[in-house]
Amino acid sequence: MAEATDDRLRLLIERIERLEEEKKGIADDIRDVYAEAKAVGYDAKIMRQIVRLRKMKPDDRAEMEMVLDTYKAALGLG
């Protein structure tokens, strides 16, 4: 029984390691795309913000923008 459990654990660990390696490769690819965008004149920092906003649900995005506007007004930022 213990050997089967050990094999299962080893297989799970190996899967996690493979997925972590794939994740690193994807992160490298994303970084390359941002570098390419920057090379042609786009602002990568703003692009990251846009990607983050597009991931949000519309209601959550609207609420965040409303709170942000409130904070900006309180600080005299327009």
PDB file of N, CA and C in Angstrom:
ATOM      1  N   MET A   1       0.821  -1.197   0.000  1.00  0.00           N
ATOM      2  CA  MET A   1       0.000   0.000   0.000  1.00  0.00           C
ATOM      3  C   MET A   1       0.866   1.262   0.000  1.00  0.00           C
ATOM      4  N   ALA A   2       1.920   1.269   0.830  1.00  0.00           N
ATOM      5  CA  ALA A   2       2.776   2.448   0.931  1.00  0.00           C
ATOM      6  C   ALA A   2       3.473   2.739  -0.392  1.00  0.00           C
ATOM      7  N   GLU A   3       3.869   1.663  -1.108  1.00  0.00           N
ATOM      8  CA  GLU A   3       4.548   1.871  -2.387  1.00  0.00           C
ATOM      9  C   GLU A   3       3.624   2.538  -3.399  1.00  0.00           C
ATOM     10  N   ALA A   4       2.362   2.123  -3.437  1.00  0.00           N
ATOM     11  CA  ALA A   4       1.389   2.737  -4.345  1.00  0.00           C
ATOM     12  C   ALA A   4       1.185   4.202  -3.990  1.00  0.00           C
ATOM     13  N   THR A   5       1.139   4.488  -2.699  1.00  0.00           N
ATOM     14  CA  THR A   5       0.980   5.868  -2.237  1.00  0.00           C
ATOM     15  C   THR A   5       2.201   6.688  -2.615  1.00  0.00           C
ATOM     16  N   ASP A   6       3.394   6.105  -2.448  1.00  0.00           N
ATOM     17  CA  ASP A   6       4.628   6.797  -2.808  1.00  0.00           C
ATOM     18  C   ASP A   6       4.674   7.090  -4.308  1.00  0.00           C
ATOM     19  N   ASP A   7       4.250   6.119  -5.127  1.00  0.00           N
ATOM     20  CA  ASP A   7       4.217   6.322  -6.576  1.00  0.00           C
ATOM     21  C   ASP A   7       3.242   7.433  -6.944  1.00  0.00           C
ATOM     22  N   ARG A   8       2.093   7.425  -6.310  1.00  0.00           N
ATOM     23  CA  ARG A   8       1.084   8.452  -6.587  1.00  0.00           C
ATOM     24  C   ARG A   8       1.627   9.835  -6.238  1.00  0.00           C
ATOM     25  N   LEU A   9       2.266   9.945  -5.079  1.00  0.00           N
ATOM     26  CA  LEU A   9       2.847  11.212  -4.651  1.00  0.00           C
ATOM     27  C   LEU A   9       3.918  11.675  -5.638  1.00  0.00           C
ATOM     28  N   ARG A  10       4.792  10.753  -6.045  1.00  0.00           N
ATOM     29  CA  ARG A  10       5.854  11.093  -7.002  1.00  0.00           C
ATOM     30  C   ARG A  10       5.259  11.596  -8.311  1.00  0.00           C
ATOM     31  N   LEU A  11       4.213  10.918  -8.808  1.00  0.00           N
ATOM     32  CA  LEU A  11       3.562  11.326 -10.051  1.00  0.00           C
ATOM     33  C   LEU A  11       2.925  12.713  -9.923  1.00  0.00           C
ATOM     34  N   LEU A  12       2.308  12.976  -8.795  1.00  0.00           N
ATOM     35  CA  LEU A  12       1.706  14.290  -8.570  1.00  0.00           C
ATOM     36  C   LEU A  12       2.767  15.385  -8.535  1.00  0.00           C
ATOM     37  N   ILE A  13       3.854  15.127  -7.842  1.00  0.00           N
ATOM     38  CA  ILE A  13       4.963  16.088  -7.762  1.00  0.00           C
ATOM     39  C   ILE A  13       5.539  16.343  -9.146  1.00  0.00           C
ATOM     40  N   GLU A  14       5.731  15.282  -9.925  1.00  0.00           N
ATOM     41  CA  GLU A  14       6.271  15.440 -11.277  1.00  0.00           C
ATOM     42  C   GLU A  14       5.332  16.252 -12.161  1.00  0.00           C
ATOM     43  N   ARG A  15       4.034  16.041 -12.028  1.00  0.00           N
ATOM     44  CA  ARG A  15       3.064  16.844 -12.792  1.00  0.00           C
ATOM     45  C   ARG A  15       3.161  18.314 -12.420  1.00  0.00           C
ATOM     46  N   ILE A  16       3.249  18.578 -11.117  1.00  0.00           N
ATOM     47  CA  ILE A  16       3.375  19.966 -10.661  1.00  0.00           C
ATOM     48  C   ILE A  16       4.647  20.587 -11.230  1.00  0.00           C
ATOM     49  N   GLU A  17       5.737  19.850 -11.205  1.00  0.00           N
ATOM     50  CA  GLU A  17       6.994  20.374 -11.740  1.00  0.00           C
ATOM     51  C   GLU A  17       6.889  20.686 -13.233  1.00  0.00           C
ATOM     52  N   ARG A  18       6.245  19.810 -13.992  1.00  0.00           N
ATOM     53  CA  ARG A  18       6.055  20.066 -15.430  1.00  0.00           C
ATOM     54  C   ARG A  18       5.209  21.311 -15.653  1.00  0.00           C
ATOM     55  N   LEU A  19       4.131  21.429 -14.884  1.00  0.00           N
ATOM     56  CA  LEU A  19       3.257  22.591 -15.030  1.00  0.00           C
ATOM     57  C   LEU A  19       3.969  23.884 -14.636  1.00  0.00           C
ATOM     58  N   GLU A  20       4.785  23.830 -13.587  1.00  0.00           N
ATOM     59  CA  GLU A  20       5.567  25.006 -13.192  1.00  0.00           C
ATOM     60  C   GLU A  20       6.526  25.412 -14.313  1.00  0.00           C
ATOM     61  N   GLU A  21       7.123  24.430 -14.969  1.00  0.00           N
ATOM     62  CA  GLU A  21       8.029  24.712 -16.079  1.00  0.00           C
ATOM     63  C   GLU A  21       7.267  25.348 -17.247  1.00  0.00           C
ATOM     64  N   GLU A  22       6.071  24.830 -17.545  1.00  0.00           N
ATOM     65  CA  GLU A  22       5.237  25.417 -18.600  1.00  0.00           C
ATOM     66  C   GLU A  22       4.844  26.843 -18.236  1.00  0.00           C
ATOM     67  N   LYS A  23       4.499  27.054 -16.968  1.00  0.00           N
ATOM     68  CA  LYS A  23       4.108  28.391 -16.503  1.00  0.00           C
ATOM     69  C   LYS A  23       5.261  29.371 -16.690  1.00  0.00           C
ATOM     70  N   LYS A  24       6.480  28.933 -16.385  1.00  0.00           N
ATOM     71  CA  LYS A  24       7.651  29.784 -16.564  1.00  0.00           C
ATOM     72  C   LYS A  24       7.829  30.124 -18.038  1.00  0.00           C
ATOM     73  N   GLY A  25       7.638  29.139 -18.902  1.00  0.00           N
ATOM     74  CA  GLY A  25       7.762  29.386 -20.339  1.00  0.00           C
ATOM     75  C   GLY A  25       6.730  30.382 -20.837  1.00  0.00           C
ATOM     76  N   ILE A  26       5.506  30.259 -20.345  1.00  0.00           N
ATOM     77  CA  ILE A  26       4.447  31.193 -20.737  1.00  0.00           C
ATOM     78  C   ILE A  26       4.750  32.593 -20.217  1.00  0.00           C
ATOM     79  N   ALA A  27       5.230  32.685 -18.981  1.00  0.00           N
ATOM     80  CA  ALA A  27       5.600  33.990 -18.417  1.00  0.00           C
ATOM     81  C   ALA A  27       6.702  34.643 -19.260  1.00  0.00           C
ATOM     82  N   ASP A  28       7.663  33.837 -19.706  1.00  0.00           N
ATOM     83  CA  ASP A  28       8.725  34.359 -20.578  1.00  0.00           C
ATOM     84  C   ASP A  28       8.145  34.857 -21.896  1.00  0.00           C
ATOM     85  N   ASP A  29       7.191  34.119 -22.459  1.00  0.00           N
ATOM     86  CA  ASP A  29       6.556  34.531 -23.716  1.00  0.00           C
ATOM     87  C   ASP A  29       5.802  35.849 -23.538  1.00  0.00           C
ATOM     88  N   ILE A  30       5.095  35.986 -22.433  1.00  0.00           N
ATOM     89  CA  ILE A  30       4.350  37.226 -22.157  1.00  0.00           C
ATOM     90  C   ILE A  30       5.328  38.395 -22.030  1.00  0.00           C
ATOM     91  N   ARG A  31       6.414  38.179 -21.324  1.00  0.00           N
ATOM     92  CA  ARG A  31       7.433  39.221 -21.165  1.00  0.00           C
ATOM     93  C   ARG A  31       7.978  39.634 -22.540  1.00  0.00           C
ATOM     94  N   ASP A  32       8.178  38.668 -23.434  1.00  0.00           N
ATOM     95  CA  ASP A  32       8.661  38.969 -24.780  1.00  0.00           C
ATOM     96  C   ASP A  32       7.663  39.824 -25.555  1.00  0.00           C
ATOM     97  N   VAL A  33       6.369  39.547 -25.392  1.00  0.00           N
ATOM     98  CA  VAL A  33       5.341  40.333 -26.087  1.00  0.00           C
ATOM     99  C   VAL A  33       5.356  41.768 -25.585  1.00  0.00           C
ATOM    100  N   TYR A  34       5.467  41.952 -24.273  1.00  0.00           N
ATOM    101  CA  TYR A  34       5.552  43.314 -23.732  1.00  0.00           C
ATOM    102  C   TYR A  34       6.804  44.026 -24.238  1.00  0.00           C
ATOM    103  N   ALA A  35       7.916  43.317 -24.337  1.00  0.00           N
ATOM    104  CA  ALA A  35       9.149  43.910 -24.855  1.00  0.00           C
ATOM    105  C   ALA A  35       8.972  44.313 -26.317  1.00  0.00           C
ATOM    106  N   GLU A  36       8.305  43.473 -27.074  1.00  0.00           N
ATOM    107  CA  GLU A  36       8.028  43.791 -28.480  1.00  0.00           C
ATOM    108  C   GLU A  36       7.151  45.031 -28.586  1.00  0.00           C
ATOM    109  N   ALA A  37       6.121  45.097 -27.742  1.00  0.00           N
ATOM    110  CA  ALA A  37       5.225  46.256 -27.741  1.00  0.00           C
ATOM    111  C   ALA A  37       6.006  47.525 -27.400  1.00  0.00           C
ATOM    112  N   LYS A  38       6.872  47.428 -26.409  1.00  0.00           N
ATOM    113  CA  LYS A  38       7.670  48.591 -26.006  1.00  0.00           C
ATOM    114  C   LYS A  38       8.591  49.024 -27.147  1.00  0.00           C
ATOM    115  N   ALA A  39       9.138  48.048 -27.864  1.00  0.00           N
ATOM    116  CA  ALA A  39      10.062  48.344 -28.966  1.00  0.00           C
ATOM    117  C   ALA A  39       9.383  49.119 -30.089  1.00  0.00           C
ATOM    118  N   VAL A  40       8.080  48.950 -30.245  1.00  0.00           N
ATOM    119  CA  VAL A  40       7.375  49.685 -31.299  1.00  0.00           C
ATOM    120  C   VAL A  40       6.650  50.909 -30.767  1.00  0.00           C
ATOM    121  N   GLY A  41       6.924  51.258 -29.497  1.00  0.00           N
ATOM    122  CA  GLY A  41       6.432  52.521 -28.974  1.00  0.00           C
ATOM    123  C   GLY A  41       5.260  52.472 -28.006  1.00  0.00           C
ATOM    124  N   TYR A  42       4.768  51.285 -27.669  1.00  0.00           N
ATOM    125  CA  TYR A  42       3.669  51.200 -26.704  1.00  0.00           C
ATOM    126  C   TYR A  42       4.208  51.207 -25.278  1.00  0.00           C
ATOM    127  N   ASP A  43       3.388  51.666 -24.357  1.00  0.00           N
ATOM    128  CA  ASP A  43       3.749  51.715 -22.949  1.00  0.00           C
ATOM    129  C   ASP A  43       3.315  50.397 -22.295  1.00  0.00           C
ATOM    130  N   ALA A  44       4.293  49.558 -21.972  1.00  0.00           N
ATOM    131  CA  ALA A  44       3.999  48.231 -21.426  1.00  0.00           C
ATOM    132  C   ALA A  44       3.272  48.321 -20.086  1.00  0.00           C
ATOM    133  N   LYS A  45       3.605  49.316 -19.294  1.00  0.00           N
ATOM    134  CA  LYS A  45       2.962  49.482 -17.985  1.00  0.00           C
ATOM    135  C   LYS A  45       1.458  49.729 -18.155  1.00  0.00           C
ATOM    136  N   ILE A  46       1.111  50.578 -19.099  1.00  0.00           N
ATOM    137  CA  ILE A  46      -0.302  50.860 -19.376  1.00  0.00           C
ATOM    138  C   ILE A  46      -0.980  49.623 -19.968  1.00  0.00           C
ATOM    139  N   MET A  47      -0.272  48.904 -20.822  1.00  0.00           N
ATOM    140  CA  MET A  47      -0.835  47.681 -21.403  1.00  0.00           C
ATOM    141  C   MET A  47      -1.156  46.664 -20.311  1.00  0.00           C
ATOM    142  N   ARG A  48      -0.284  46.545 -19.310  1.00  0.00           N
ATOM    143  CA  ARG A  48      -0.539  45.627 -18.193  1.00  0.00           C
ATOM    144  C   ARG A  48      -1.802  46.041 -17.441  1.00  0.00           C
ATOM    145  N   GLN A  49      -1.987  47.346 -17.258  1.00  0.00           N
ATOM    146  CA  GLN A  49      -3.189  47.834 -16.588  1.00  0.00           C
ATOM    147  C   GLN A  49      -4.434  47.521 -17.409  1.00  0.00           C
ATOM    148  N   ILE A  50      -4.356  47.684 -18.712  1.00  0.00           N
ATOM    149  CA  ILE A  50      -5.490  47.387 -19.592  1.00  0.00           C
ATOM    150  C   ILE A  50      -5.836  45.900 -19.519  1.00  0.00           C
ATOM    151  N   VAL A  51      -4.822  45.048 -19.553  1.00  0.00           N
ATOM    152  CA  VAL A  51      -5.062  43.599 -19.461  1.00  0.00           C
ATOM    153  C   VAL A  51      -5.765  43.282 -18.138  1.00  0.00           C
ATOM    154  N   ARG A  52      -5.292  43.908 -17.051  1.00  0.00           N
ATOM    155  CA  ARG A  52      -5.901  43.682 -15.738  1.00  0.00           C
ATOM    156  C   ARG A  52      -7.362  44.158 -15.731  1.00  0.00           C
ATOM    157  N   LEU A  53      -7.632  45.314 -16.328  1.00  0.00           N
ATOM    158  CA  LEU A  53      -9.007  45.823 -16.391  1.00  0.00           C
ATOM    159  C   LEU A  53      -9.911  44.912 -17.226  1.00  0.00           C
ATOM    160  N   ARG A  54      -9.389  44.398 -18.317  1.00  0.00           N
ATOM    161  CA  ARG A  54     -10.202  43.541 -19.187  1.00  0.00           C
ATOM    162  C   ARG A  54     -10.558  42.214 -18.524  1.00  0.00           C
ATOM    163  N   LYS A  55      -9.747  41.787 -17.547  1.00  0.00           N
ATOM    164  CA  LYS A  55     -10.040  40.553 -16.816  1.00  0.00           C
ATOM    165  C   LYS A  55     -11.196  40.734 -15.839  1.00  0.00           C
ATOM    166  N   MET A  56     -11.439  41.980 -15.438  1.00  0.00           N
ATOM    167  CA  MET A  56     -12.451  42.253 -14.421  1.00  0.00           C
ATOM    168  C   MET A  56     -13.860  42.182 -14.995  1.00  0.00           C
ATOM    169  N   LYS A  57     -14.800  41.853 -14.135  1.00  0.00           N
ATOM    170  CA  LYS A  57     -16.204  41.919 -14.527  1.00  0.00           C
ATOM    171  C   LYS A  57     -16.576  43.395 -14.667  1.00  0.00           C
ATOM    172  N   PRO A  58     -17.466  43.724 -15.604  1.00  0.00           N
ATOM    173  CA  PRO A  58     -17.830  45.130 -15.814  1.00  0.00           C
ATOM    174  C   PRO A  58     -18.296  45.846 -14.542  1.00  0.00           C
ATOM    175  N   ASP A  59     -19.089  45.186 -13.723  1.00  0.00           N
ATOM    176  CA  ASP A  59     -19.561  45.825 -12.486  1.00  0.00           C
ATOM    177  C   ASP A  59     -18.403  46.097 -11.529  1.00  0.00           C
ATOM    178  N   ASP A  60     -17.493  45.143 -11.421  1.00  0.00           N
ATOM    179  CA  ASP A  60     -16.328  45.329 -10.542  1.00  0.00           C
ATOM    180  C   ASP A  60     -15.443  46.462 -11.047  1.00  0.00           C
ATOM    181  N   ARG A  61     -15.271  46.522 -12.372  1.00  0.00           N
ATOM    182  CA  ARG A  61     -14.457  47.577 -12.969  1.00  0.00           C
ATOM    183  C   ARG A  61     -15.087  48.945 -12.725  1.00  0.00           C
ATOM    184  N   ALA A  62     -16.408  49.050 -12.914  1.00  0.00           N
ATOM    185  CA  ALA A  62     -17.101  50.319 -12.694  1.00  0.00           C
ATOM    186  C   ALA A  62     -16.984  50.748 -11.228  1.00  0.00           C
ATOM    187  N   GLU A  63     -17.129  49.800 -10.319  1.00  0.00           N
ATOM    188  CA  GLU A  63     -17.018  50.126  -8.891  1.00  0.00           C
ATOM    189  C   GLU A  63     -15.604  50.606  -8.564  1.00  0.00           C
ATOM    190  N   MET A  64     -14.595  49.921  -9.090  1.00  0.00           N
ATOM    191  CA  MET A  64     -13.213  50.316  -8.834  1.00  0.00           C
ATOM    192  C   MET A  64     -12.949  51.718  -9.370  1.00  0.00           C
ATOM    193  N   GLU A  65     -13.443  52.003 -10.587  1.00  0.00           N
ATOM    194  CA  GLU A  65     -13.231  53.320 -11.183  1.00  0.00           C
ATOM    195  C   GLU A  65     -13.937  54.408 -10.373  1.00  0.00           C
ATOM    196  N   MET A  66     -15.111  54.098  -9.836  1.00  0.00           N
ATOM    197  CA  MET A  66     -15.847  55.064  -9.024  1.00  0.00           C
ATOM    198  C   MET A  66     -15.066  55.371  -7.737  1.00  0.00           C
ATOM    199  N   VAL A  67     -14.565  54.337  -7.088  1.00  0.00           N
ATOM    200  CA  VAL A  67     -13.796  54.539  -5.858  1.00  0.00           C
ATOM    201  C   VAL A  67     -12.503  55.297  -6.173  1.00  0.00           C
ATOM    202  N   LEU A  68     -11.851  54.947  -7.265  1.00  0.00           N
ATOM    203  CA  LEU A  68     -10.633  55.636  -7.675  1.00  0.00           C
ATOM    204  C   LEU A  68     -10.909  57.117  -7.910  1.00  0.00           C
ATOM    205  N   ASP A  69     -11.999  57.428  -8.609  1.00  0.00           N
ATOM    206  CA  ASP A  69     -12.371  58.830  -8.846  1.00  0.00           C
ATOM    207  C   ASP A  69     -12.632  59.560  -7.536  1.00  0.00           C
ATOM    208  N   THR A  70     -13.287  58.892  -6.587  1.00  0.00           N
ATOM    209  CA  THR A  70     -13.562  59.489  -5.278  1.00  0.00           C
ATOM    210  C   THR A  70     -12.257  59.812  -4.560  1.00  0.00           C
ATOM    211  N   TYR A  71     -11.326  58.869  -4.566  1.00  0.00           N
ATOM    212  CA  TYR A  71     -10.039  59.078  -3.896  1.00  0.00           C
ATOM    213  C   TYR A  71      -9.258  60.204  -4.582  1.00  0.00           C
ATOM    214  N   LYS A  72      -9.254  60.200  -5.922  1.00  0.00           N
ATOM    215  CA  LYS A  72      -8.542  61.245  -6.647  1.00  0.00           C
ATOM    216  C   LYS A  72      -9.111  62.610  -6.330  1.00  0.00           C
ATOM    217  N   ALA A  73     -10.447  62.726  -6.283  1.00  0.00           N
ATOM    218  CA  ALA A  73     -11.085  63.996  -5.972  1.00  0.00           C
ATOM    219  C   ALA A  73     -10.717  64.444  -4.555  1.00  0.00           C
ATOM    220  N   ALA A  74     -10.700  63.508  -3.610  1.00  0.00           N
ATOM    221  CA  ALA A  74     -10.370  63.836  -2.221  1.00  0.00           C
ATOM    222  C   ALA A  74      -8.926  64.346  -2.097  1.00  0.00           C
ATOM    223  N   LEU A  75      -8.067  63.893  -2.995  1.00  0.00           N
ATOM    224  CA  LEU A  75      -6.662  64.291  -2.957  1.00  0.00           C
ATOM    225  C   LEU A  75      -6.357  65.427  -3.921  1.00  0.00           C
ATOM    226  N   GLY A  76      -7.398  65.954  -4.586  1.00  0.00           N
ATOM    227  CA  GLY A  76      -7.202  67.068  -5.510  1.00  0.00           C
ATOM    228  C   GLY A  76      -6.489  66.682  -6.787  1.00  0.00           C
ATOM    229  N   LEU A  77      -6.656  65.433  -7.199  1.00  0.00           N
ATOM    230  CA  LEU A  77      -5.989  64.968  -8.416  1.00  0.00           C
ATOM    231  C   LEU A  77      -6.873  65.041  -9.649  1.00  0.00           C
ATOM    232  N   GLY A  78      -8.008  65.648  -9.503  1.00  0.00           N
ATOM    233  CA  GLY A  78      -8.846  65.861 -10.664  1.00  0.00           C
ATOM    234  C   GLY A  78      -9.991  64.950 -10.744  1.00  0.00           C
TER     235      GLY A  78
END
